[in-house]
Protein backbone atom coordinates (compact mmCIF):
# COMPACT_ATOMS: atom_id res chain seq x y z
CA MET A 1 15.58 -38.12 31.24
CA SER A 2 15.19 -40.56 34.15
CA PRO A 3 18.35 -42.54 35.04
CA SER A 4 16.17 -45.64 35.41
CA ALA A 5 15.04 -45.54 31.74
CA PRO A 6 16.29 -48.42 29.56
CA ALA A 7 19.52 -47.77 27.64
CA GLY A 8 17.79 -48.19 24.25
CA ALA A 9 15.17 -45.55 25.11
CA ARG A 10 17.83 -43.07 26.27
CA ALA A 11 19.79 -43.56 23.03
CA GLY A 12 16.68 -43.07 20.92
CA ARG A 13 15.80 -39.80 22.66
CA LEU A 14 19.34 -38.46 22.25
CA LEU A 15 19.23 -39.24 18.53
CA LEU A 16 15.88 -37.41 18.18
CA VAL A 17 17.20 -34.30 20.00
CA SER A 18 20.35 -34.22 17.85
CA THR A 19 18.31 -34.52 14.65
CA LEU A 20 15.97 -31.67 15.63
CA ALA A 21 18.93 -29.42 16.51
CA LEU A 22 20.55 -30.10 13.11
CA LEU A 23 17.32 -29.36 11.25
CA SER A 24 16.98 -26.05 13.13
CA LEU A 25 20.47 -24.98 12.06
CA VAL A 26 19.75 -25.89 8.43
CA ALA A 27 16.49 -23.92 8.49
CA VAL A 28 18.17 -20.80 9.89
CA ALA A 29 20.91 -20.98 7.26
CA ALA A 30 18.34 -21.34 4.47
CA LEU A 31 16.51 -18.20 5.60
CA ARG A 32 19.58 -15.96 5.41
CA PRO A 33 19.35 -13.62 2.39
CA GLY A 34 21.95 -14.01 -0.34
CA THR A 35 24.05 -11.24 -1.81
CA ALA A 36 24.53 -10.46 -5.46
CA ALA A 37 28.13 -10.16 -6.58
CA GLY A 38 28.77 -7.27 -8.94
CA ALA A 39 31.04 -7.53 -11.96
CA ARG A 40 34.54 -6.19 -11.56
CA PRO A 41 34.91 -2.94 -13.55
CA LEU A 42 37.09 -3.00 -16.62
CA ALA A 43 39.73 -0.37 -17.23
CA ASP A 44 38.37 2.71 -18.97
CA ALA A 45 40.51 3.20 -22.06
CA ALA A 46 38.70 6.35 -23.16
CA ARG A 47 40.17 9.83 -22.97
CA PRO A 48 38.06 12.46 -21.13
CA LEU A 49 36.36 15.11 -23.27
CA ASP A 50 36.06 18.79 -22.46
CA GLU A 51 32.27 18.64 -22.54
CA GLY A 52 32.18 16.95 -19.12
CA ALA A 53 34.46 19.48 -17.39
CA GLY A 54 33.13 21.53 -14.52
CA VAL A 55 30.10 19.31 -13.84
CA VAL A 56 29.54 18.80 -10.12
CA PRO A 57 29.01 15.09 -9.30
CA ALA A 58 25.42 14.46 -8.26
CA VAL A 59 26.04 10.91 -7.05
CA SER A 60 29.37 9.24 -6.35
CA GLY A 61 30.31 5.60 -6.84
CA ALA A 62 30.46 4.75 -3.11
CA PRO A 63 29.79 1.18 -1.98
CA VAL A 64 26.19 0.15 -1.49
CA ALA A 65 24.84 0.02 2.04
CA ALA A 66 23.51 -3.19 3.56
CA PRO A 67 20.34 -4.39 1.77
CA THR A 68 16.97 -3.31 3.14
CA ALA A 69 13.48 -4.56 2.47
CA LEU A 70 13.30 -2.56 -0.77
CA ASP A 71 16.76 -3.15 -2.23
CA SER A 72 17.17 -6.87 -1.54
CA THR A 73 17.00 -9.27 -4.46
CA PRO A 74 13.65 -11.09 -4.41
CA ALA A 75 13.35 -14.82 -4.02
CA PRO A 76 13.58 -16.77 -7.31
CA SER A 77 9.89 -17.69 -7.03
CA THR A 78 8.89 -14.03 -7.42
CA MET A 79 11.02 -13.44 -10.55
CA PRO A 80 9.67 -14.16 -14.04
CA ALA A 81 11.07 -17.69 -14.39
CA ALA A 82 12.48 -17.33 -17.91
CA LEU A 83 14.40 -14.16 -16.98
CA ARG A 84 16.29 -15.50 -13.95
CA ASP A 85 19.28 -16.69 -15.93
CA VAL A 86 19.47 -14.18 -18.79
CA ALA A 87 23.16 -13.51 -19.44
CA GLY A 88 24.24 -10.11 -18.14
CA LEU A 89 20.87 -9.19 -16.65
CA SER A 90 21.36 -8.27 -12.98
CA PRO A 91 18.72 -9.74 -10.63
CA ARG A 92 19.32 -6.75 -8.35
CA ALA A 93 18.59 -4.28 -11.17
CA LEU A 94 15.45 -6.18 -12.19
CA ALA A 95 14.28 -6.32 -8.56
CA ALA A 96 14.77 -2.54 -8.21
CA ALA A 97 12.75 -1.96 -11.38
CA LEU A 98 9.90 -4.17 -10.21
CA ASP A 99 9.87 -2.42 -6.82
CA ALA A 100 9.64 0.97 -8.54
CA ILE A 101 6.80 -0.18 -10.80
CA ALA A 102 4.85 -1.58 -7.85
CA CYS A 103 5.25 1.73 -6.03
CA ALA A 104 4.14 3.69 -9.11
CA ARG A 105 1.07 1.50 -9.54
CA GLY A 106 0.29 2.03 -5.86
CA ARG A 107 0.27 5.77 -6.57
CA GLY A 108 -2.18 5.27 -9.44
CA VAL A 109 0.26 5.27 -12.40
CA ALA A 110 -1.02 2.79 -14.98
CA GLY A 111 1.58 1.51 -17.41
CA ARG A 112 0.61 -0.20 -20.65
CA GLY A 113 1.08 -3.91 -21.17
CA GLY A 114 3.70 -6.27 -19.76
CA LEU A 115 6.81 -4.52 -21.10
CA LEU A 116 9.76 -3.17 -19.13
CA THR A 117 12.80 -1.39 -20.55
CA LEU A 118 15.72 -1.77 -18.14
CA ILE A 119 19.00 0.17 -18.49
CA ASP A 120 21.85 -0.93 -16.22
CA TYR A 121 24.29 1.97 -15.98
CA SER A 122 26.52 0.01 -13.61
CA LEU A 123 27.86 -1.65 -16.77
CA PRO A 124 30.37 0.05 -19.09
CA SER A 125 29.16 1.73 -22.26
CA THR A 126 31.01 -0.90 -24.29
CA ALA A 127 28.55 -3.60 -23.12
CA PRO A 128 24.94 -3.90 -24.27
CA ARG A 129 23.14 -2.64 -21.17
CA LEU A 130 19.58 -1.96 -22.33
CA TRP A 131 17.02 -4.75 -22.25
CA VAL A 132 13.41 -4.62 -23.42
CA LEU A 133 11.68 -7.38 -21.46
CA ASP A 134 8.33 -8.99 -22.12
CA LEU A 135 7.59 -9.89 -18.50
CA ALA A 136 4.27 -11.50 -19.33
CA ARG A 137 5.95 -14.10 -21.56
CA GLY A 138 9.42 -14.09 -20.02
CA ARG A 139 11.21 -13.00 -23.20
CA VAL A 140 14.00 -10.57 -24.08
CA LEU A 141 12.79 -8.52 -27.06
CA PHE A 142 15.87 -6.29 -27.45
CA HIS A 143 19.37 -6.17 -25.93
CA GLU A 144 21.17 -3.03 -27.09
CA LEU A 145 24.03 -0.63 -26.55
CA VAL A 146 22.94 2.66 -24.98
CA ALA A 147 24.84 5.89 -24.33
CA HIS A 148 24.88 7.97 -21.17
CA GLY A 149 25.26 11.72 -20.72
CA ALA A 150 28.59 13.49 -21.29
CA GLY A 151 28.48 14.86 -17.75
CA SER A 152 28.00 11.40 -16.25
CA GLY A 153 31.42 9.99 -17.06
CA ASP A 154 33.49 8.36 -19.77
CA ASN A 155 33.12 4.59 -20.25
CA TYR A 156 31.32 4.24 -16.91
CA ALA A 157 28.51 6.51 -15.76
CA THR A 158 29.35 7.62 -12.20
CA ARG A 159 27.44 10.91 -11.85
CA PHE A 160 23.70 11.41 -12.27
CA SER A 161 21.48 14.47 -12.13
CA ASN A 162 18.01 15.88 -12.67
CA ALA A 163 19.33 19.41 -13.24
CA PRO A 164 19.03 21.30 -16.54
CA GLU A 165 22.32 21.91 -18.38
CA SER A 166 24.07 19.18 -16.38
CA ARG A 167 24.29 16.89 -19.44
CA GLN A 168 24.01 14.01 -17.00
CA THR A 169 21.85 10.92 -17.14
CA SER A 170 18.87 10.67 -14.78
CA LEU A 171 18.02 7.51 -12.87
CA GLY A 172 14.72 6.04 -11.72
CA LEU A 173 11.40 5.15 -13.31
CA PHE A 174 10.02 6.72 -16.48
CA LEU A 175 6.84 6.27 -18.48
CA THR A 176 7.28 6.41 -22.24
CA GLY A 177 5.28 8.95 -24.22
CA GLY A 178 4.67 9.64 -27.88
CA THR A 179 7.12 9.94 -30.76
CA TYR A 180 8.19 12.83 -32.96
CA GLU A 181 10.77 13.77 -35.61
CA GLY A 182 13.35 16.14 -34.13
CA GLY A 183 16.95 17.21 -34.44
CA ASN A 184 18.04 13.66 -33.61
CA GLY A 185 15.54 12.03 -35.96
CA TYR A 186 12.83 9.70 -34.75
CA SER A 187 12.59 10.24 -30.98
CA LEU A 188 10.58 9.02 -27.98
CA LYS A 189 9.43 11.28 -25.15
CA LEU A 190 10.15 10.14 -21.59
CA ASN A 191 8.14 11.25 -18.55
CA GLY A 192 10.09 11.05 -15.27
CA LEU A 193 7.98 9.69 -12.41
CA ASP A 194 10.38 10.27 -9.50
CA PRO A 195 10.41 13.75 -7.90
CA GLY A 196 13.95 15.04 -7.51
CA LEU A 197 15.44 12.22 -9.60
CA ASN A 198 14.01 12.55 -13.10
CA ASP A 199 10.85 14.65 -13.03
CA ARG A 200 12.51 17.41 -15.08
CA ALA A 201 13.09 15.09 -18.03
CA GLU A 202 10.60 16.91 -20.27
CA GLU A 203 12.08 20.31 -19.37
CA ARG A 204 15.58 18.96 -20.11
CA LYS A 205 14.36 17.37 -23.39
CA ILE A 206 15.54 13.94 -22.24
CA VAL A 207 14.29 11.57 -24.95
CA MET A 208 15.30 8.27 -26.53
CA HIS A 209 16.74 8.53 -30.03
CA GLY A 210 19.25 6.94 -32.37
CA ALA A 211 22.82 8.23 -32.70
CA TRP A 212 25.78 7.49 -34.96
CA TYR A 213 28.16 7.43 -32.01
CA VAL A 214 26.41 4.42 -30.43
CA SER A 215 28.06 1.60 -32.35
CA ALA A 216 30.64 -1.18 -32.14
CA ASP A 217 32.76 0.80 -34.60
CA HIS A 218 32.91 3.77 -32.21
CA VAL A 219 33.91 1.44 -29.38
CA GLN A 220 36.68 -0.04 -31.54
CA HIS A 221 38.14 3.38 -32.33
CA PHE A 222 37.68 5.20 -28.99
CA GLY A 223 37.36 2.49 -26.35
CA ARG A 224 33.82 3.56 -25.41
CA LEU A 225 30.59 4.86 -26.89
CA GLY A 226 30.06 8.51 -27.65
CA ARG A 227 27.96 10.42 -25.15
CA SER A 228 24.71 12.35 -25.30
CA TRP A 229 23.46 15.41 -23.43
CA GLY A 230 21.66 13.11 -20.98
CA CYS A 231 19.48 11.12 -23.38
CA PRO A 232 19.55 7.31 -23.55
CA ALA A 233 20.77 7.21 -27.16
CA LEU A 234 20.57 3.91 -29.08
CA PRO A 235 22.28 2.57 -32.20
CA ALA A 236 20.85 4.31 -35.25
CA ALA A 237 20.09 0.97 -36.92
CA SER A 238 17.84 -0.34 -34.14
CA ALA A 239 16.43 2.81 -32.49
CA ARG A 240 13.19 2.98 -34.49
CA ALA A 241 12.35 -0.69 -33.89
CA VAL A 242 12.92 -0.36 -30.14
CA ILE A 243 10.98 2.91 -29.90
CA ASP A 244 7.99 1.54 -31.79
CA VAL A 245 7.71 -1.38 -29.35
CA ILE A 246 7.99 0.59 -26.09
CA LYS A 247 6.24 3.89 -26.97
CA ASP A 248 2.93 5.12 -25.55
CA GLY A 249 2.92 4.26 -21.87
CA THR A 250 5.36 1.47 -20.97
CA PHE A 251 7.79 1.61 -18.05
CA LEU A 252 11.51 2.34 -18.42
CA PHE A 253 13.86 2.03 -15.43
CA SER A 254 17.40 3.46 -15.28
CA TYR A 255 19.55 1.66 -12.73
CA ALA A 256 23.04 2.22 -11.28
CA GLY A 257 24.98 0.77 -8.38
CA GLY A 258 26.90 2.43 -5.55
CA SER A 259 25.43 5.42 -3.76
CA ALA A 260 23.27 6.07 -6.81
CA LEU A 261 21.26 3.00 -5.88
CA GLN A 262 20.88 4.33 -2.33
CA THR A 263 19.54 7.61 -3.71
CA VAL A 264 16.99 5.84 -5.91
CA GLN A 265 15.89 3.55 -3.08
CA ALA A 266 15.48 6.52 -0.71
CA ALA A 267 13.27 8.27 -3.27
CA LEU A 268 11.26 5.08 -3.71
CA ARG A 269 10.71 4.71 0.03
CA SER A 270 9.58 8.33 0.25
CA ALA A 271 7.18 7.94 -2.67
CA CYS A 272 5.73 4.69 -1.34
CA ALA A 273 5.26 6.23 2.09
CA ALA A 274 3.25 9.14 0.63
CA PRO A 275 -0.58 8.82 0.66
CA ALA A 276 -1.81 6.90 -2.37
CA ALA A 277 -4.37 8.24 -4.80
CA PRO A 278 -7.94 7.59 -3.57
CA ALA A 279 -8.61 4.85 -6.12
CA ALA A 280 -5.20 3.21 -5.88
CA PRO A 281 -4.51 0.12 -3.76
CA ALA A 282 -2.19 0.41 -0.77
CA ALA A 283 1.48 -0.34 -1.46
CA PRO A 284 2.77 -3.67 -0.08
CA ALA A 285 4.95 -3.44 3.02
CA THR A 286 7.89 -5.68 2.10
CA GLY A 287 10.33 -5.96 -0.80
CA ALA A 288 9.22 -9.48 -1.68
CA ALA A 289 5.54 -8.49 -1.56
CA ILE A 290 6.23 -5.40 -3.67
CA THR A 291 8.03 -7.45 -6.30
CA ALA A 292 5.34 -10.14 -6.35
CA ALA A 293 2.60 -7.52 -6.75
CA ALA A 294 4.54 -5.78 -9.51
CA THR A 295 5.05 -9.01 -11.44
CA ALA A 296 1.35 -9.85 -11.21
CA ALA A 297 0.27 -6.33 -12.17
CA ILE A 298 2.63 -6.13 -15.12
CA THR A 299 1.65 -9.58 -16.34
CA ALA A 300 -2.03 -8.63 -16.25
CA GLY A 301 -1.30 -5.30 -17.96
CA THR A 302 -3.35 -2.11 -18.02
CA HIS A 303 -4.27 -0.68 -21.42
């Protein structure tokens, strides 16, 4: 600025420069990604059972690494609006599920309708941790208790596996199949879509079914739910209703925090990086784009 400029002009220019600098700082702060705070674990009052002894941990409960493009929570504008504030529903878990669905669709997997079943195994078994979501209409259709495998832990699931005889829960994305009457009554077949994570589900006979040990009464007496051999077991009273809604080709996503999330995200990156089927569209490059594409694809639905 020239020293000969009038005092009023110099003051006006200084005010303009200060205002622009302040706006720049505000803009930078607004662009910084937020972090989701996880719930503090409750004490596990359950006693360990012999059936989990000798099982080698597949995934530990280590802290989660810094978010990447695929594991960051999407912006609120890309979430189904009515589901942003559902009590207990983790935005991070929902984002991971939408990422996985977008990747699967990019590989040519066509799920039916706008339904998503989300199980959040970072929660204790004493809390309802299964949601059936109507993403097209932004509604929660079911919110239920669900058991994990005996080899995965007591009240909290901390170990996950794809191996036969492990009696552990598998994580990742599944596509529901048909129903049948078996040893556990009315049951739903689950097809694992993630190589190395859950693709041996059929071989392991991992299905959804009802069980007497999944109930508030069991929690009251033992401090946790009973445990399955790796199946996502539901309360006997509601299992048939849930199964009949989600059967025949809808997506189910099993989520967990800690290093388990890192394992799932690594598998997702690997799958998305693989060449897509000839007729499938290319996978989006960023987490936000993946989530936006998934939301649009699920809302439209493929029958």
